[in-house]
N, C-alpha and C. Protein backbone atom coordinates (compact mmCIF):
# COMPACT_ATOMS: atom_id res chain seq x y z
N MET A 1 137.31 135.01 94.80
CA MET A 1 136.08 135.38 94.80
C MET A 1 135.58 136.90 94.15
N GLU A 2 136.97 137.56 94.17
CA GLU A 2 137.45 138.75 93.57
C GLU A 2 136.38 138.51 91.74
N SER A 3 136.67 136.97 91.36
CA SER A 3 136.08 136.96 89.87
C SER A 3 134.46 137.20 89.94
N ILE A 4 134.21 136.11 91.23
CA ILE A 4 132.50 136.47 91.27
C ILE A 4 131.92 137.82 91.53
N LEU A 5 132.71 138.51 92.25
CA LEU A 5 131.61 139.56 92.49
C LEU A 5 131.59 140.17 90.84
N SER A 6 133.25 140.54 90.78
CA SER A 6 133.03 141.22 88.80
C SER A 6 132.00 140.65 88.48
N PHE A 7 131.78 139.41 88.38
CA PHE A 7 130.78 138.64 87.31
C PHE A 7 129.57 139.14 87.33
N LEU A 8 129.36 139.29 88.81
CA LEU A 8 127.70 139.85 89.13
C LEU A 8 127.64 141.53 88.98
N LYS A 9 128.85 142.02 89.53
CA LYS A 9 128.75 143.37 88.65
C LYS A 9 127.99 143.46 87.13
N GLN A 10 129.30 142.19 86.55
CA GLN A 10 128.44 142.94 85.18
C GLN A 10 127.23 142.55 84.94
N VAL A 11 126.65 141.47 85.51
CA VAL A 11 125.85 140.77 85.00
C VAL A 11 124.48 141.69 85.32
N LEU A 12 124.67 142.15 86.47
CA LEU A 12 123.66 143.64 87.02
C LEU A 12 123.96 144.67 86.36
N ALA A 13 124.33 145.02 85.77
CA ALA A 13 124.74 146.25 84.85
C ALA A 13 123.95 145.85 83.60
N LYS A 14 124.14 144.45 83.20
CA LYS A 14 124.09 144.41 81.60
C LYS A 14 122.13 144.23 81.84
N THR A 15 122.08 143.78 83.31
CA THR A 15 120.55 143.39 83.21
C THR A 15 119.59 144.67 83.45
N ASN A 16 118.24 144.46 83.23
CA ASN A 16 117.53 145.48 83.17
C ASN A 16 116.13 145.16 84.84
N LYS A 17 116.14 146.90 85.41
CA LYS A 17 116.01 146.66 86.88
C LYS A 17 114.92 145.67 86.78
N TYR A 18 114.22 145.86 85.87
CA TYR A 18 112.58 145.04 86.07
C TYR A 18 113.12 143.72 85.75
N VAL A 19 113.88 143.63 85.40
CA VAL A 19 113.62 141.95 85.28
C VAL A 19 114.46 141.25 86.28
N ILE A 20 115.34 141.86 87.23
CA ILE A 20 116.18 141.73 88.69
C ILE A 20 114.79 141.39 89.82
N THR A 21 113.79 142.60 89.75
CA THR A 21 112.65 143.13 90.78
C THR A 21 111.76 141.61 90.18
N GLY A 22 111.49 141.58 88.97
CA GLY A 22 110.51 140.02 88.71
C GLY A 22 111.10 138.80 89.32
N VAL A 23 112.79 138.59 89.26
CA VAL A 23 112.82 137.20 89.44
C VAL A 23 112.61 137.36 90.86
N ILE A 24 113.26 138.42 91.72
CA ILE A 24 113.18 138.64 93.12
C ILE A 24 111.67 137.98 93.31
N PHE A 25 110.20 139.02 93.05
CA PHE A 25 109.53 138.46 92.99
C PHE A 25 109.21 136.95 92.89
N LEU A 26 109.77 136.72 91.70
CA LEU A 26 109.48 134.68 91.89
C LEU A 26 109.53 134.08 92.55
N VAL A 27 111.00 134.55 93.39
CA VAL A 27 111.81 133.37 93.98
C VAL A 27 111.12 133.29 95.45
N ILE A 28 110.35 135.11 96.03
CA ILE A 28 110.15 134.90 97.10
C ILE A 28 108.21 134.51 96.39
N THR A 29 107.87 134.53 95.81
CA THR A 29 106.62 133.65 95.74
C THR A 29 106.38 132.12 95.66
N PHE A 30 107.81 131.84 95.05
CA PHE A 30 107.77 130.32 95.17
C PHE A 30 108.23 129.82 95.93
N PHE A 31 109.16 130.74 96.07
CA PHE A 31 110.22 129.39 97.38
C PHE A 31 110.26 129.87 99.04
N ILE A 32 110.14 130.94 99.11
CA ILE A 32 110.18 131.72 100.66
C ILE A 32 108.67 131.92 101.04
N GLY A 33 108.38 131.71 102.43
CA GLY A 33 106.97 131.59 102.52
C GLY A 33 106.24 130.70 103.50
N ASP A 34 104.84 131.09 103.45
CA ASP A 34 104.28 130.10 104.35
C ASP A 34 103.54 129.23 102.71
N SER A 35 103.32 130.67 101.69
CA SER A 35 102.45 130.14 100.49
C SER A 35 103.48 129.52 99.15
N THR A 36 103.57 128.49 99.50
CA THR A 36 105.46 128.17 98.25
C THR A 36 104.58 127.17 97.86
N LEU A 37 105.24 126.56 96.99
CA LEU A 37 105.09 125.19 95.88
C LEU A 37 104.86 124.07 96.27
N PHE A 38 106.13 124.00 97.39
CA PHE A 38 106.16 123.09 98.07
C PHE A 38 105.09 123.00 99.27
N HIS A 39 104.69 124.25 99.64
CA HIS A 39 103.68 123.90 100.74
C HIS A 39 102.06 123.59 100.14
N HIS A 40 102.10 124.00 98.93
CA HIS A 40 100.66 123.71 97.87
C HIS A 40 100.50 122.47 97.95
N TYR A 41 101.93 122.13 97.24
CA TYR A 41 101.89 120.34 96.66
C TYR A 41 101.40 119.90 97.93
N ASP A 42 101.92 119.82 99.18
CA ASP A 42 101.73 119.39 100.11
C ASP A 42 100.21 119.36 100.62
N TYR A 43 99.42 120.75 100.87
CA TYR A 43 97.98 120.74 100.90
C TYR A 43 97.19 119.75 99.93
N GLU A 44 97.45 120.09 98.87
CA GLU A 44 97.01 118.95 97.78
C GLU A 44 96.88 117.45 98.45
N ARG A 45 97.87 117.34 98.57
CA ARG A 45 98.21 115.77 99.00
C ARG A 45 97.63 115.59 100.23
N GLN A 46 97.48 115.80 101.04
CA GLN A 46 97.04 116.26 102.57
C GLN A 46 95.44 116.14 101.96
N ILE A 47 94.67 116.95 101.33
CA ILE A 47 93.68 117.33 100.71
C ILE A 47 92.48 115.78 100.08
N SER A 48 93.88 115.72 99.47
CA SER A 48 93.56 114.37 98.94
C SER A 48 93.24 112.87 99.60
N GLU A 49 93.83 112.93 100.64
CA GLU A 49 93.80 111.70 101.65
C GLU A 49 92.67 112.25 102.53
N LEU A 50 92.30 113.19 103.32
CA LEU A 50 91.64 113.75 103.67
C LEU A 50 90.25 113.04 102.86
N GLU A 51 90.17 113.22 101.39
CA GLU A 51 89.25 113.36 100.88
C GLU A 51 88.70 111.46 100.30
N LYS A 52 89.79 110.98 100.83
CA LYS A 52 89.63 109.22 100.29
C LYS A 52 89.20 108.62 101.88
N GLU A 53 89.26 109.35 103.12
CA GLU A 53 89.29 108.88 104.10
C GLU A 53 87.43 109.47 104.45
N ILE A 54 87.22 110.04 104.14
CA ILE A 54 85.60 111.01 103.78
C ILE A 54 85.17 109.96 103.38
N ALA A 55 85.45 109.26 102.17
CA ALA A 55 84.57 108.25 101.09
C ALA A 55 84.69 107.09 101.96
N VAL A 56 85.77 106.55 102.80
CA VAL A 56 85.45 105.60 103.39
C VAL A 56 84.86 105.50 105.00
N TYR A 57 84.70 106.60 105.26
CA TYR A 57 83.63 106.81 106.05
C TYR A 57 82.35 106.89 105.65
N LYS A 58 81.92 107.57 104.88
CA LYS A 58 80.61 107.07 104.11
C LYS A 58 80.08 106.00 103.82
N LYS A 59 81.48 105.43 102.82
CA LYS A 59 80.70 103.28 102.94
C LYS A 59 80.31 103.68 104.12
N GLU A 60 81.00 103.17 105.27
CA GLU A 60 81.34 102.51 106.52
C GLU A 60 79.83 103.53 107.21
N GLU A 61 79.39 104.14 107.26
CA GLU A 61 77.79 104.82 107.29
C GLU A 61 76.90 104.28 106.83
N ALA A 62 76.83 104.45 105.36
CA ALA A 62 76.11 103.54 104.97
C ALA A 62 75.22 102.27 105.01
N GLU A 63 76.50 101.51 105.02
CA GLU A 63 76.82 100.18 105.95
C GLU A 63 75.95 99.86 107.15
N ASN A 64 76.65 101.03 108.19
CA ASN A 64 75.63 100.92 109.40
C ASN A 64 74.42 101.08 109.46
N LYS A 65 74.66 102.38 108.55
CA LYS A 65 72.63 102.26 108.36
C LYS A 65 71.52 101.23 108.15
N ARG A 66 72.49 100.36 107.23
CA ARG A 66 71.61 99.44 106.63
C ARG A 66 71.56 98.43 107.95
N LYS A 67 72.57 98.10 108.10
CA LYS A 67 72.44 97.21 109.32
C LYS A 67 71.63 97.62 110.27
N LEU A 68 71.51 98.91 110.42
CA LEU A 68 70.48 99.13 111.52
C LEU A 68 68.87 99.38 111.09
N GLU A 69 68.87 99.27 109.66
CA GLU A 69 67.39 99.28 109.11
C GLU A 69 66.87 97.39 109.57
N MET A 70 67.58 96.73 109.01
CA MET A 70 67.53 95.29 109.02
C MET A 70 67.52 94.94 110.94
N LEU A 71 68.00 95.52 111.79
CA LEU A 71 67.98 95.55 112.79
C LEU A 71 66.07 95.92 113.43
N LYS A 72 66.22 97.23 112.97
CA LYS A 72 64.41 97.55 113.45
C LYS A 72 63.63 96.78 112.49
N SER A 73 64.14 96.08 111.46
CA SER A 73 62.72 95.37 110.39
C SER A 73 62.94 93.88 110.86
N ASP A 74 63.61 93.39 111.42
CA ASP A 74 63.54 91.85 111.21
C ASP A 74 64.25 91.35 112.80
N ASN A 75 62.96 90.69 113.80
CA ASN A 75 63.54 90.26 115.05
C ASN A 75 64.54 89.56 114.61
N GLU A 76 64.33 88.31 114.24
CA GLU A 76 65.61 87.25 114.07
C GLU A 76 66.65 87.90 113.67
N SER A 77 66.70 88.63 113.05
CA SER A 77 68.67 89.39 112.94
C SER A 77 68.93 90.21 114.03
N LEU A 78 67.54 90.79 115.09
CA LEU A 78 67.93 91.26 116.07
C LEU A 78 68.01 90.42 117.16
N GLU A 79 67.42 89.34 117.25
CA GLU A 79 67.93 88.02 118.14
C GLU A 79 69.22 87.12 117.64
N ARG A 80 69.93 87.37 117.07
CA ARG A 80 70.95 86.44 116.27
C ARG A 80 72.15 87.69 116.88
N PHE A 81 72.20 89.12 116.44
CA PHE A 81 72.98 90.44 116.69
C PHE A 81 73.01 89.90 118.48
N ALA A 82 71.73 89.87 118.99
CA ALA A 82 72.17 90.19 120.43
C ALA A 82 72.71 88.77 120.83
N ARG A 83 72.46 87.98 120.61
CA ARG A 83 73.31 86.56 120.96
C ARG A 83 74.67 86.78 120.40
N GLU A 84 74.88 86.98 119.61
CA GLU A 84 76.39 87.02 119.36
C GLU A 84 77.28 87.89 119.68
N LYS A 85 76.62 89.13 119.53
CA LYS A 85 77.53 90.54 120.30
C LYS A 85 77.73 90.74 121.88
N TYR A 86 76.51 90.28 122.42
CA TYR A 86 76.50 90.24 123.87
C TYR A 86 76.23 89.24 124.96
N LEU A 87 76.44 88.09 123.99
CA LEU A 87 76.48 86.61 124.53
C LEU A 87 74.85 86.73 125.43
N MET A 88 73.83 86.72 124.57
CA MET A 88 72.49 86.27 125.62
C MET A 88 71.82 85.10 125.71
N THR A 89 70.78 84.31 125.99
CA THR A 89 70.55 83.44 126.27
C THR A 89 69.11 83.65 126.24
N LYS A 90 68.50 82.65 125.94
CA LYS A 90 67.10 82.39 126.27
C LYS A 90 66.74 81.73 127.79
N PRO A 91 65.71 81.76 128.63
CA PRO A 91 65.62 81.29 129.59
C PRO A 91 66.04 79.31 129.70
N GLY A 92 66.54 79.29 130.35
CA GLY A 92 66.97 77.39 130.14
C GLY A 92 68.13 77.09 129.27
N GLU A 93 68.72 77.79 128.44
CA GLU A 93 69.76 77.66 127.78
C GLU A 93 71.16 78.18 128.43
N GLU A 94 72.13 77.30 128.11
CA GLU A 94 73.52 77.18 128.39
C GLU A 94 74.42 78.25 127.51
N LEU A 95 75.31 78.33 128.19
CA LEU A 95 76.19 78.96 126.77
C LEU A 95 77.62 78.72 127.13
N PHE A 96 78.36 78.26 126.11
CA PHE A 96 79.48 77.84 126.33
C PHE A 96 80.27 78.91 125.47
N VAL A 97 81.29 79.58 126.07
CA VAL A 97 82.49 80.88 125.29
C VAL A 97 83.23 80.15 125.07
N ILE A 98 84.31 79.92 123.50
CA ILE A 98 85.26 79.11 123.27
C ILE A 98 85.82 80.25 122.75
N GLU A 99 87.42 80.51 123.75
CA GLU A 99 88.28 81.55 122.96
C GLU A 99 89.64 80.98 122.52
């Protein structure tokens, strides 16, 4: 333990106080606190994941808009959608649900 302390005293005596201050500043900046390099990389990863989700939802929104326009413009597709989704029938028809 004595040898470590004496070594530190020798190093500190030979080193410039500005270098020590700079090293302490860098350690605090990059490794201590809420704004560390580790947090920065984690935030970048989260942003990337959220941007991917946004792209998926935009694609889904475009597809849903296309389907909505198709249903608004074409009565046959509207009828087919109602029959498939809500099991609607024409008068006099019988419906058999197979699961």
